[in-house]
Structures are given as structure tokens and as C-alpha cells.
PDB file of N, CA and C in Angstrom:
ATOM      1  N   MET A   1       7.813  64.231 178.519  1.00  0.00           N
ATOM      2  CA  MET A   1       8.700  65.254 177.913  1.00  0.00           C
ATOM      3  C   MET A   1       9.682  65.418 179.486  1.00  0.00           C
ATOM      4  N   ASP A   2      10.985  65.106 179.548  1.00  0.00           N
ATOM      5  CA  ASP A   2      11.522  65.305 180.513  1.00  0.00           C
ATOM      6  C   ASP A   2      11.438  66.912 181.453  1.00  0.00           C
ATOM      7  N   PRO A   3      11.233  66.542 182.811  1.00  0.00           N
ATOM      8  CA  PRO A   3      11.178  67.313 183.295  1.00  0.00           C
ATOM      9  C   PRO A   3      12.319  68.709 183.039  1.00  0.00           C
ATOM     10  N   LEU A   4      13.444  68.826 182.779  1.00  0.00           N
ATOM     11  CA  LEU A   4      14.148  69.786 182.645  1.00  0.00           C
ATOM     12  C   LEU A   4      13.798  70.474 181.420  1.00  0.00           C
ATOM     13  N   ASP A   5      13.550  69.657 180.413  1.00  0.00           N
ATOM     14  CA  ASP A   5      13.071  69.776 179.384  1.00  0.00           C
ATOM     15  C   ASP A   5      11.817  71.259 179.438  1.00  0.00           C
ATOM     16  N   LYS A   6      10.589  70.995 180.327  1.00  0.00           N
ATOM     17  CA  LYS A   6       9.759  71.784 180.522  1.00  0.00           C
ATOM     18  C   LYS A   6      10.230  72.824 181.376  1.00  0.00           C
ATOM     19  N   VAL A   7      11.616  72.770 182.407  1.00  0.00           N
ATOM     20  CA  VAL A   7      12.249  73.814 182.662  1.00  0.00           C
ATOM     21  C   VAL A   7      12.532  75.023 182.006  1.00  0.00           C
ATOM     22  N   ALA A   8      13.705  74.342 180.773  1.00  0.00           N
ATOM     23  CA  ALA A   8      14.044  74.757 179.865  1.00  0.00           C
ATOM     24  C   ALA A   8      12.674  75.826 178.995  1.00  0.00           C
ATOM     25  N   GLU A   9      12.125  75.249 178.567  1.00  0.00           N
ATOM     26  CA  GLU A   9      11.018  75.953 177.830  1.00  0.00           C
ATOM     27  C   GLU A   9       9.991  77.213 178.654  1.00  0.00           C
ATOM     28  N   GLN A  10       9.916  76.767 179.844  1.00  0.00           N
ATOM     29  CA  GLN A  10       9.481  77.917 180.589  1.00  0.00           C
ATOM     30  C   GLN A  10      10.480  79.108 180.745  1.00  0.00           C
ATOM     31  N   ARG A  11      11.709  79.005 180.873  1.00  0.00           N
ATOM     32  CA  ARG A  11      12.675  79.955 181.261  1.00  0.00           C
ATOM     33  C   ARG A  11      12.996  80.830 179.682  1.00  0.00           C
ATOM     34  N   LEU A  12      12.555  79.732 178.801  1.00  0.00           N
ATOM     35  CA  LEU A  12      12.592  80.348 177.205  1.00  0.00           C
ATOM     36  C   LEU A  12      11.736  80.926 177.002  1.00  0.00           C
ATOM     37  N   ALA A  13      10.446  80.947 177.372  1.00  0.00           N
ATOM     38  CA  ALA A  13       9.308  81.729 177.350  1.00  0.00           C
ATOM     39  C   ALA A  13       9.073  82.786 178.086  1.00  0.00           C
ATOM     40  N   GLU A  14       9.861  82.840 179.221  1.00  0.00           N
ATOM     41  CA  GLU A  14       9.886  84.145 180.599  1.00  0.00           C
ATOM     42  C   GLU A  14      10.773  85.073 179.742  1.00  0.00           C
ATOM     43  N   ALA A  15      11.748  84.499 179.065  1.00  0.00           N
ATOM     44  CA  ALA A  15      12.674  85.478 178.507  1.00  0.00           C
ATOM     45  C   ALA A  15      12.573  86.318 177.164  1.00  0.00           C
ATOM     46  N   ILE A  16      11.203  85.046 176.437  1.00  0.00           N
ATOM     47  CA  ILE A  16      10.399  86.023 174.968  1.00  0.00           C
ATOM     48  C   ILE A  16       9.554  86.891 175.794  1.00  0.00           C
ATOM     49  N   ALA A  17       9.389  86.900 176.668  1.00  0.00           N
ATOM     50  CA  ALA A  17       8.051  87.765 177.055  1.00  0.00           C
ATOM     51  C   ALA A  17       8.788  89.243 177.557  1.00  0.00           C
ATOM     52  N   ALA A  18       9.950  88.744 178.136  1.00  0.00           N
ATOM     53  CA  ALA A  18      10.139  90.168 178.883  1.00  0.00           C
ATOM     54  C   ALA A  18      11.309  90.899 177.857  1.00  0.00           C
ATOM     55  N   GLY A  19      11.653  90.445 176.469  1.00  0.00           N
ATOM     56  CA  GLY A  19      12.243  91.036 175.551  1.00  0.00           C
ATOM     57  C   GLY A  19      13.779  90.627 175.698  1.00  0.00           C
ATOM     58  N   GLU A  20      14.124  89.683 176.164  1.00  0.00           N
ATOM     59  CA  GLU A  20      15.742  89.540 176.189  1.00  0.00           C
ATOM     60  C   GLU A  20      16.053  89.402 175.199  1.00  0.00           C
ATOM     61  N   PHE A  21      15.466  88.188 174.098  1.00  0.00           N
ATOM     62  CA  PHE A  21      15.958  88.197 173.172  1.00  0.00           C
ATOM     63  C   PHE A  21      15.772  89.175 171.788  1.00  0.00           C
ATOM     64  N   ASP A  22      15.497  90.467 172.023  1.00  0.00           N
ATOM     65  CA  ASP A  22      14.929  91.433 171.335  1.00  0.00           C
ATOM     66  C   ASP A  22      16.739  91.846 170.848  1.00  0.00           C
ATOM     67  N   GLY A  23      17.138  92.173 169.742  1.00  0.00           N
ATOM     68  CA  GLY A  23      17.856  92.902 169.213  1.00  0.00           C
ATOM     69  C   GLY A  23      19.146  92.154 169.201  1.00  0.00           C
ATOM     70  N   LEU A  24      18.912  90.730 169.504  1.00  0.00           N
ATOM     71  CA  LEU A  24      20.001  90.316 169.173  1.00  0.00           C
ATOM     72  C   LEU A  24      19.879  90.096 167.397  1.00  0.00           C
ATOM     73  N   PRO A  25      21.744  89.406 167.036  1.00  0.00           N
ATOM     74  CA  PRO A  25      21.807  89.518 165.602  1.00  0.00           C
ATOM     75  C   PRO A  25      20.665  88.578 164.643  1.00  0.00           C
ATOM     76  N   GLY A  26      19.806  88.674 163.990  1.00  0.00           N
ATOM     77  CA  GLY A  26      19.361  87.853 163.332  1.00  0.00           C
ATOM     78  C   GLY A  26      18.015  87.505 163.672  1.00  0.00           C
ATOM     79  N   PHE A  27      17.703  88.739 164.601  1.00  0.00           N
ATOM     80  CA  PHE A  27      16.274  88.475 165.181  1.00  0.00           C
ATOM     81  C   PHE A  27      14.717  88.769 164.263  1.00  0.00           C
ATOM     82  N   GLY A  28      14.041  88.050 164.517  1.00  0.00           N
ATOM     83  CA  GLY A  28      13.098  87.689 163.414  1.00  0.00           C
ATOM     84  C   GLY A  28      13.258  87.040 162.277  1.00  0.00           C
ATOM     85  N   ARG A  29      14.278  86.545 161.914  1.00  0.00           N
ATOM     86  CA  ARG A  29      14.528  85.944 160.630  1.00  0.00           C
ATOM     87  C   ARG A  29      14.524  84.557 160.751  1.00  0.00           C
ATOM     88  N   PRO A  30      14.678  83.792 160.080  1.00  0.00           N
ATOM     89  CA  PRO A  30      14.860  81.927 160.484  1.00  0.00           C
ATOM     90  C   PRO A  30      16.445  81.330 160.597  1.00  0.00           C
ATOM     91  N   LEU A  31      16.819  80.517 161.118  1.00  0.00           N
ATOM     92  CA  LEU A  31      17.643  80.209 161.432  1.00  0.00           C
ATOM     93  C   LEU A  31      18.468  79.544 160.150  1.00  0.00           C
ATOM     94  N   GLU A  32      19.318  79.868 159.659  1.00  0.00           N
ATOM     95  CA  GLU A  32      20.486  79.031 158.679  1.00  0.00           C
ATOM     96  C   GLU A  32      21.075  77.878 158.889  1.00  0.00           C
ATOM     97  N   LEU A  33      20.484  77.090 159.419  1.00  0.00           N
ATOM     98  CA  LEU A  33      20.487  75.479 160.370  1.00  0.00           C
ATOM     99  C   LEU A  33      21.811  74.847 158.671  1.00  0.00           C
ATOM    100  N   GLU A  34      23.080  74.599 158.997  1.00  0.00           N
ATOM    101  CA  GLU A  34      24.093  74.270 157.899  1.00  0.00           C
ATOM    102  C   GLU A  34      23.540  72.408 158.302  1.00  0.00           C
ATOM    103  N   ASP A  35      23.620  71.581 156.865  1.00  0.00           N
ATOM    104  CA  ASP A  35      23.474  70.549 156.018  1.00  0.00           C
ATOM    105  C   ASP A  35      25.453  69.902 156.740  1.00  0.00           C
ATOM    106  N   LEU A  36      25.240  68.965 158.090  1.00  0.00           N
ATOM    107  CA  LEU A  36      26.353  68.630 158.487  1.00  0.00           C
ATOM    108  C   LEU A  36      26.139  66.913 158.241  1.00  0.00           C
ATOM    109  N   SER A  37      25.419  66.601 157.373  1.00  0.00           N
ATOM    110  CA  SER A  37      25.572  65.167 157.242  1.00  0.00           C
ATOM    111  C   SER A  37      26.411  64.660 156.712  1.00  0.00           C
ATOM    112  N   GLN A  38      27.451  64.990 156.144  1.00  0.00           N
ATOM    113  CA  GLN A  38      28.484  64.841 155.857  1.00  0.00           C
ATOM    114  C   GLN A  38      29.216  64.177 156.722  1.00  0.00           C
ATOM    115  N   LEU A  39      29.622  64.638 157.887  1.00  0.00           N
ATOM    116  CA  LEU A  39      30.350  64.808 158.957  1.00  0.00           C
ATOM    117  C   LEU A  39      29.881  63.740 159.804  1.00  0.00           C
ATOM    118  N   GLU A  40      31.136  63.478 160.204  1.00  0.00           N
ATOM    119  CA  GLU A  40      30.888  61.564 161.604  1.00  0.00           C
ATOM    120  C   GLU A  40      30.650  62.828 162.296  1.00  0.00           C
ATOM    121  N   PRO A  41      29.184  62.081 163.128  1.00  0.00           N
ATOM    122  CA  PRO A  41      28.346  62.828 164.118  1.00  0.00           C
ATOM    123  C   PRO A  41      28.915  63.460 165.291  1.00  0.00           C
ATOM    124  N   GLU A  42      30.332  62.781 166.011  1.00  0.00           N
ATOM    125  CA  GLU A  42      31.252  63.124 166.702  1.00  0.00           C
ATOM    126  C   GLU A  42      32.167  64.031 166.402  1.00  0.00           C
ATOM    127  N   LEU A  43      32.618  64.585 165.104  1.00  0.00           N
ATOM    128  CA  LEU A  43      32.888  65.559 164.727  1.00  0.00           C
ATOM    129  C   LEU A  43      32.268  67.088 164.743  1.00  0.00           C
ATOM    130  N   ARG A  44      30.610  66.582 164.776  1.00  0.00           N
ATOM    131  CA  ARG A  44      30.215  67.900 164.378  1.00  0.00           C
ATOM    132  C   ARG A  44      30.337  69.185 165.402  1.00  0.00           C
ATOM    133  N   ALA A  45      30.025  68.784 166.468  1.00  0.00           N
ATOM    134  CA  ALA A  45      30.250  70.052 167.673  1.00  0.00           C
ATOM    135  C   ALA A  45      31.612  70.901 167.155  1.00  0.00           C
ATOM    136  N   ALA A  46      32.435  69.889 167.099  1.00  0.00           N
ATOM    137  CA  ALA A  46      33.992  70.555 167.105  1.00  0.00           C
ATOM    138  C   ALA A  46      33.595  71.382 165.725  1.00  0.00           C
ATOM    139  N   TYR A  47      33.114  71.066 164.718  1.00  0.00           N
ATOM    140  CA  TYR A  47      33.368  71.682 163.401  1.00  0.00           C
ATOM    141  C   TYR A  47      32.439  73.107 163.853  1.00  0.00           C
ATOM    142  N   LEU A  48      31.348  73.031 164.446  1.00  0.00           N
ATOM    143  CA  LEU A  48      30.263  74.122 164.617  1.00  0.00           C
ATOM    144  C   LEU A  48      31.444  75.166 165.497  1.00  0.00           C
ATOM    145  N   LEU A  49      32.077  74.505 166.540  1.00  0.00           N
ATOM    146  CA  LEU A  49      32.829  75.419 167.409  1.00  0.00           C
ATOM    147  C   LEU A  49      34.213  75.814 166.758  1.00  0.00           C
ATOM    148  N   LEU A  50      34.604  75.232 166.025  1.00  0.00           N
ATOM    149  CA  LEU A  50      35.740  76.003 165.044  1.00  0.00           C
ATOM    150  C   LEU A  50      35.320  77.090 163.993  1.00  0.00           C
ATOM    151  N   LYS A  51      34.253  76.854 163.649  1.00  0.00           N
ATOM    152  CA  LYS A  51      33.537  77.637 162.485  1.00  0.00           C
ATOM    153  C   LYS A  51      33.430  79.056 163.377  1.00  0.00           C
ATOM    154  N   GLY A  52      32.184  78.905 164.283  1.00  0.00           N
ATOM    155  CA  GLY A  52      32.046  80.110 164.831  1.00  0.00           C
ATOM    156  C   GLY A  52      32.968  80.678 165.790  1.00  0.00           C
ATOM    157  N   SER A  53      34.024  80.494 166.003  1.00  0.00           N
ATOM    158  CA  SER A  53      35.355  81.069 166.560  1.00  0.00           C
ATOM    159  C   SER A  53      36.088  81.513 165.442  1.00  0.00           C
ATOM    160  N   GLY A  54      35.667  80.883 164.063  1.00  0.00           N
ATOM    161  CA  GLY A  54      36.299  81.852 162.619  1.00  0.00           C
ATOM    162  C   GLY A  54      37.744  81.403 162.646  1.00  0.00           C
ATOM    163  N   VAL A  55      37.701  79.512 162.565  1.00  0.00           N
ATOM    164  CA  VAL A  55      38.601  78.962 162.687  1.00  0.00           C
ATOM    165  C   VAL A  55      38.357  78.104 161.121  1.00  0.00           C
ATOM    166  N   LEU A  56      39.263  77.506 160.294  1.00  0.00           N
ATOM    167  CA  LEU A  56      38.860  76.983 159.348  1.00  0.00           C
ATOM    168  C   LEU A  56      39.252  75.854 158.934  1.00  0.00           C
ATOM    169  N   PRO A  57      39.225  74.701 158.165  1.00  0.00           N
ATOM    170  CA  PRO A  57      39.671  73.662 158.662  1.00  0.00           C
ATOM    171  C   PRO A  57      40.796  73.972 157.384  1.00  0.00           C
ATOM    172  N   GLU A  58      41.884  73.491 157.425  1.00  0.00           N
ATOM    173  CA  GLU A  58      43.400  73.798 156.502  1.00  0.00           C
ATOM    174  C   GLU A  58      42.606  73.530 154.624  1.00  0.00           C
ATOM    175  N   GLU A  59      41.784  72.348 154.475  1.00  0.00           N
ATOM    176  CA  GLU A  59      41.665  72.740 153.383  1.00  0.00           C
ATOM    177  C   GLU A  59      40.921  74.129 152.425  1.00  0.00           C
ATOM    178  N   LEU A  60      39.719  74.434 153.455  1.00  0.00           N
ATOM    179  CA  LEU A  60      39.022  75.848 152.805  1.00  0.00           C
ATOM    180  C   LEU A  60      39.913  77.040 153.176  1.00  0.00           C
ATOM    181  N   ALA A  61      40.719  76.651 154.397  1.00  0.00           N
ATOM    182  CA  ALA A  61      41.737  78.030 153.924  1.00  0.00           C
ATOM    183  C   ALA A  61      42.640  78.309 152.884  1.00  0.00           C
ATOM    184  N   ILE A  62      43.029  76.789 152.492  1.00  0.00           N
ATOM    185  CA  ILE A  62      43.873  76.891 151.310  1.00  0.00           C
ATOM    186  C   ILE A  62      42.780  77.594 150.189  1.00  0.00           C
ATOM    187  N   ARG A  63      41.477  77.005 149.724  1.00  0.00           N
ATOM    188  CA  ARG A  63      40.612  77.234 148.984  1.00  0.00           C
ATOM    189  C   ARG A  63      40.492  78.828 148.895  1.00  0.00           C
ATOM    190  N   LYS A  64      40.381  79.550 150.188  1.00  0.00           N
ATOM    191  CA  LYS A  64      40.596  80.541 150.484  1.00  0.00           C
ATOM    192  C   LYS A  64      41.432  82.097 149.616  1.00  0.00           C
ATOM    193  N   GLU A  65      42.848  80.823 149.850  1.00  0.00           N
ATOM    194  CA  GLU A  65      43.708  81.657 149.536  1.00  0.00           C
ATOM    195  C   GLU A  65      43.995  81.792 148.074  1.00  0.00           C
ATOM    196  N   LEU A  66      43.796  80.455 147.764  1.00  0.00           N
ATOM    197  CA  LEU A  66      43.639  79.802 146.236  1.00  0.00           C
ATOM    198  C   LEU A  66      42.670  81.084 145.112  1.00  0.00           C
ATOM    199  N   VAL A  67      41.392  81.646 146.229  1.00  0.00           N
ATOM    200  CA  VAL A  67      40.899  82.281 145.195  1.00  0.00           C
ATOM    201  C   VAL A  67      41.303  83.718 145.400  1.00  0.00           C
ATOM    202  N   THR A  68      42.065  84.276 146.369  1.00  0.00           N
ATOM    203  CA  THR A  68      42.667  85.447 146.350  1.00  0.00           C
ATOM    204  C   THR A  68      43.898  85.481 145.199  1.00  0.00           C
ATOM    205  N   LEU A  69      44.851  84.379 145.693  1.00  0.00           N
ATOM    206  CA  LEU A  69      45.929  84.071 144.879  1.00  0.00           C
ATOM    207  C   LEU A  69      45.289  84.317 143.139  1.00  0.00           C
ATOM    208  N   GLY A  70      44.552  84.105 142.796  1.00  0.00           N
ATOM    209  CA  GLY A  70      43.659  83.830 141.258  1.00  0.00           C
ATOM    210  C   GLY A  70      43.418  85.550 141.057  1.00  0.00           C
ATOM    211  N   ASP A  71      43.006  86.199 141.877  1.00  0.00           N
ATOM    212  CA  ASP A  71      42.564  87.089 142.122  1.00  0.00           C
ATOM    213  C   ASP A  71      43.456  88.167 141.667  1.00  0.00           C
ATOM    214  N   LEU A  72      44.945  88.048 142.124  1.00  0.00           N
ATOM    215  CA  LEU A  72      46.183  89.025 142.101  1.00  0.00           C
ATOM    216  C   LEU A  72      46.957  88.747 141.077  1.00  0.00           C
ATOM    217  N   LEU A  73      47.007  87.162 140.593  1.00  0.00           N
ATOM    218  CA  LEU A  73      47.477  86.790 139.434  1.00  0.00           C
ATOM    219  C   LEU A  73      46.821  87.276 138.071  1.00  0.00           C
ATOM    220  N   GLN A  74      45.620  87.944 138.144  1.00  0.00           N
ATOM    221  CA  GLN A  74      44.573  88.540 136.986  1.00  0.00           C
ATOM    222  C   GLN A  74      44.669  89.694 136.800  1.00  0.00           C
ATOM    223  N   ALA A  75      45.395  90.608 138.527  1.00  0.00           N
ATOM    224  CA  ALA A  75      46.161  91.667 137.945  1.00  0.00           C
ATOM    225  C   ALA A  75      47.319  92.395 137.783  1.00  0.00           C
ATOM    226  N   CYS A  76      48.178  91.133 138.275  1.00  0.00           N
ATOM    227  CA  CYS A  76      49.708  91.444 138.046  1.00  0.00           C
ATOM    228  C   CYS A  76      50.081  91.813 137.100  1.00  0.00           C
ATOM    229  N   ARG A  77      51.194  92.546 136.698  1.00  0.00           N
ATOM    230  CA  ARG A  77      51.895  92.959 135.351  1.00  0.00           C
ATOM    231  C   ARG A  77      52.971  92.802 135.622  1.00  0.00           C
ATOM    232  N   ASP A  78      53.619  92.480 136.858  1.00  0.00           N
ATOM    233  CA  ASP A  78      55.311  92.026 137.099  1.00  0.00           C
ATOM    234  C   ASP A  78      55.685  90.804 136.727  1.00  0.00           C
ATOM    235  N   THR A  79      56.626  90.840 136.071  1.00  0.00           N
ATOM    236  CA  THR A  79      56.665  89.412 135.314  1.00  0.00           C
ATOM    237  C   THR A  79      57.175  88.511 136.662  1.00  0.00           C
ATOM    238  N   GLY A  80      57.833  88.995 137.705  1.00  0.00           N
ATOM    239  CA  GLY A  80      58.429  89.269 138.659  1.00  0.00           C
ATOM    240  C   GLY A  80      57.551  88.216 140.055  1.00  0.00           C
ATOM    241  N   GLU A  81      56.900  89.047 139.822  1.00  0.00           N
ATOM    242  CA  GLU A  81      55.959  89.186 141.216  1.00  0.00           C
ATOM    243  C   GLU A  81      54.739  88.150 140.925  1.00  0.00           C
ATOM    244  N   ARG A  82      54.956  88.081 139.531  1.00  0.00           N
ATOM    245  CA  ARG A  82      53.930  86.725 138.799  1.00  0.00           C
ATOM    246  C   ARG A  82      54.312  85.596 139.006  1.00  0.00           C
ATOM    247  N   ALA A  83      55.951  85.458 138.987  1.00  0.00           N
ATOM    248  CA  ALA A  83      56.541  84.240 138.867  1.00  0.00           C
ATOM    249  C   ALA A  83      56.084  83.526 140.002  1.00  0.00           C
ATOM    250  N   THR A  84      56.230  84.436 141.116  1.00  0.00           N
ATOM    251  CA  THR A  84      56.155  84.214 142.667  1.00  0.00           C
ATOM    252  C   THR A  84      54.934  83.790 143.245  1.00  0.00           C
ATOM    253  N   LEU A  85      53.439  84.584 142.600  1.00  0.00           N
ATOM    254  CA  LEU A  85      52.622  84.235 143.285  1.00  0.00           C
ATOM    255  C   LEU A  85      52.145  82.952 142.343  1.00  0.00           C
ATOM    256  N   GLU A  86      52.671  82.534 141.027  1.00  0.00           N
ATOM    257  CA  GLU A  86      52.662  81.240 140.429  1.00  0.00           C
ATOM    258  C   GLU A  86      53.225  80.050 141.465  1.00  0.00           C
ATOM    259  N   GLU A  87      53.943  80.445 141.902  1.00  0.00           N
ATOM    260  CA  GLU A  87      54.993  79.201 142.850  1.00  0.00           C
ATOM    261  C   GLU A  87      54.244  78.789 144.212  1.00  0.00           C
ATOM    262  N   ARG A  88      53.462  79.814 144.577  1.00  0.00           N
ATOM    263  CA  ARG A  88      52.717  79.863 145.666  1.00  0.00           C
ATOM    264  C   ARG A  88      51.454  79.220 145.610  1.00  0.00           C
ATOM    265  N   ARG A  89      50.613  79.336 143.869  1.00  0.00           N
ATOM    266  CA  ARG A  89      49.913  78.565 144.260  1.00  0.00           C
ATOM    267  C   ARG A  89      50.094  77.023 143.679  1.00  0.00           C
ATOM    268  N   ARG A  90      50.840  76.586 142.753  1.00  0.00           N
ATOM    269  CA  ARG A  90      51.095  75.487 142.247  1.00  0.00           C
ATOM    270  C   ARG A  90      51.745  74.732 144.420  1.00  0.00           C
ATOM    271  N   ALA A  91      52.321  75.692 145.004  1.00  0.00           N
ATOM    272  CA  ALA A  91      52.541  74.740 146.389  1.00  0.00           C
ATOM    273  C   ALA A  91      51.078  74.863 147.398  1.00  0.00           C
ATOM    274  N   LEU A  92      50.160  75.428 147.163  1.00  0.00           N
ATOM    275  CA  LEU A  92      48.996  75.513 147.790  1.00  0.00           C
ATOM    276  C   LEU A  92      48.363  74.322 146.927  1.00  0.00           C
ATOM    277  N   LEU A  93      48.453  74.494 145.802  1.00  0.00           N
ATOM    278  CA  LEU A  93      47.634  73.168 144.944  1.00  0.00           C
ATOM    279  C   LEU A  93      48.203  71.664 145.539  1.00  0.00           C
ATOM    280  N   LEU A  94      49.446  71.835 145.481  1.00  0.00           N
ATOM    281  CA  LEU A  94      49.846  70.306 145.920  1.00  0.00           C
ATOM    282  C   LEU A  94      49.269  70.023 147.293  1.00  0.00           C
ATOM    283  N   ARG A  95      49.166  70.941 148.027  1.00  0.00           N
ATOM    284  CA  ARG A  95      49.091  71.119 149.549  1.00  0.00           C
ATOM    285  C   ARG A  95      47.752  70.207 149.331  1.00  0.00           C
ATOM    286  N   ARG A  96      46.383  71.229 148.876  1.00  0.00           N
ATOM    287  CA  ARG A  96      45.602  70.311 148.455  1.00  0.00           C
ATOM    288  C   ARG A  96      45.346  69.161 148.503  1.00  0.00           C
ATOM    289  N   ASP A  97      46.089  68.966 147.240  1.00  0.00           N
ATOM    290  CA  ASP A  97      45.597  67.740 146.722  1.00  0.00           C
ATOM    291  C   ASP A  97      45.779  66.522 147.464  1.00  0.00           C
ATOM    292  N   ILE A  98      47.123  66.973 148.633  1.00  0.00           N
ATOM    293  CA  ILE A  98      47.738  66.035 149.450  1.00  0.00           C
ATOM    294  C   ILE A  98      46.522  65.814 150.426  1.00  0.00           C
ATOM    295  N   LEU A  99      46.244  66.820 150.977  1.00  0.00           N
ATOM    296  CA  LEU A  99      44.805  66.523 151.848  1.00  0.00           C
ATOM    297  C   LEU A  99      43.537  65.906 151.820  1.00  0.00           C
ATOM    298  N   LEU A 100      43.557  66.222 150.474  1.00  0.00           N
ATOM    299  CA  LEU A 100      42.027  65.538 149.710  1.00  0.00           C
ATOM    300  C   LEU A 100      42.170  63.892 149.941  1.00  0.00           C
ATOM    301  N   GLU A 101      43.792  63.907 149.000  1.00  0.00           N
ATOM    302  CA  GLU A 101      43.786  62.008 149.141  1.00  0.00           C
ATOM    303  C   GLU A 101      43.872  61.805 150.582  1.00  0.00           C
ATOM    304  N   GLN A 102      44.719  62.220 151.391  1.00  0.00           N
ATOM    305  CA  GLN A 102      44.665  61.926 152.893  1.00  0.00           C
ATOM    306  C   GLN A 102      43.016  61.449 153.630  1.00  0.00           C
ATOM    307  N   ARG A 103      42.297  62.105 153.292  1.00  0.00           N
ATOM    308  CA  ARG A 103      41.045  62.483 153.213  1.00  0.00           C
ATOM    309  C   ARG A 103      40.200  61.223 152.808  1.00  0.00           C
ATOM    310  N   ARG A 104      40.358  60.898 151.594  1.00  0.00           N
ATOM    311  CA  ARG A 104      40.144  59.986 150.934  1.00  0.00           C
ATOM    312  C   ARG A 104      40.438  58.543 151.709  1.00  0.00           C
ATOM    313  N   ARG A 105      41.593  58.392 151.690  1.00  0.00           N
ATOM    314  CA  ARG A 105      41.942  57.350 152.433  1.00  0.00           C
ATOM    315  C   ARG A 105      41.702  56.838 153.961  1.00  0.00           C
ATOM    316  N   SER A 106      41.270  58.199 154.236  1.00  0.00           N
ATOM    317  CA  SER A 106      40.770  57.874 155.973  1.00  0.00           C
ATOM    318  C   SER A 106      39.728  57.354 155.795  1.00  0.00           C
ATOM    319  N   ALA A 107      38.632  57.746 155.163  1.00  0.00           N
ATOM    320  CA  ALA A 107      37.589  57.565 154.933  1.00  0.00           C
ATOM    321  C   ALA A 107      37.144  55.955 154.323  1.00  0.00           C
ATOM    322  N   ARG A 108      38.231  55.375 153.487  1.00  0.00           N
ATOM    323  CA  ARG A 108      37.686  54.258 153.311  1.00  0.00           C
ATOM    324  C   ARG A 108      38.014  53.164 154.186  1.00  0.00           C
ATOM    325  N   PRO A 109      37.148  52.067 154.094  1.00  0.00           N
ATOM    326  CA  PRO A 109      36.278  51.258 155.158  1.00  0.00           C
ATOM    327  C   PRO A 109      37.779  50.232 155.425  1.00  0.00           C
TER     328      PRO A 109
END
């Protein structure tokens, strides 16, 4: 074991014994680890950093907005507003398809 690992383990044990981790969000529950195997290794840290900051990749932001638009369209009774929502939905679907195609092309060897 690396000496630095030993120091880190010792400091963690001391902090746990002193109760410094008590009351943290998720205390006492298992960690929910994400499966990042689909991402290239060099992108994983950036993905986790952006996710932790609340930033979504454009494809996911579009998907989220499409869900909201779907709910709005179901509740909408005004034909003019409905047409505006449908136009926005079509534009988002097109943008999503373009992004997915770009990703497919960049993933090809």
C-alpha cells in the first residue's frame, strides 16, 4: 500500500471517529454509483463535474424540455398556443436528431 494511501485512510478513520461526517446528506446510506462505462474514460471526470454543478448535456436538456412540452400540449386548449408549442417541439426534435447523428458519426472508427 502506498504511504499516501495509509495517511489518507488514517485521516478518514480519525474524522469518522470524531463524528465529522455525521449529518452529511446521505449519511448511513449506500452510495449510488453511476455506470459510466458508456463514456470514454477521459470524459468521465468532466461528466461528473458538470452533473454535480447541475449542467446537463444538450441532448438531456432537450429531452427534459420535450417532456415538459408534452405535458403542456396535453393540457393546452388554445389552438394558437398549441401551434406554438408544437412548433417548438418539432424544432427540439430536429435538434435532438442532429445531435444524436453527430454523436453516431464521431463514435464510428
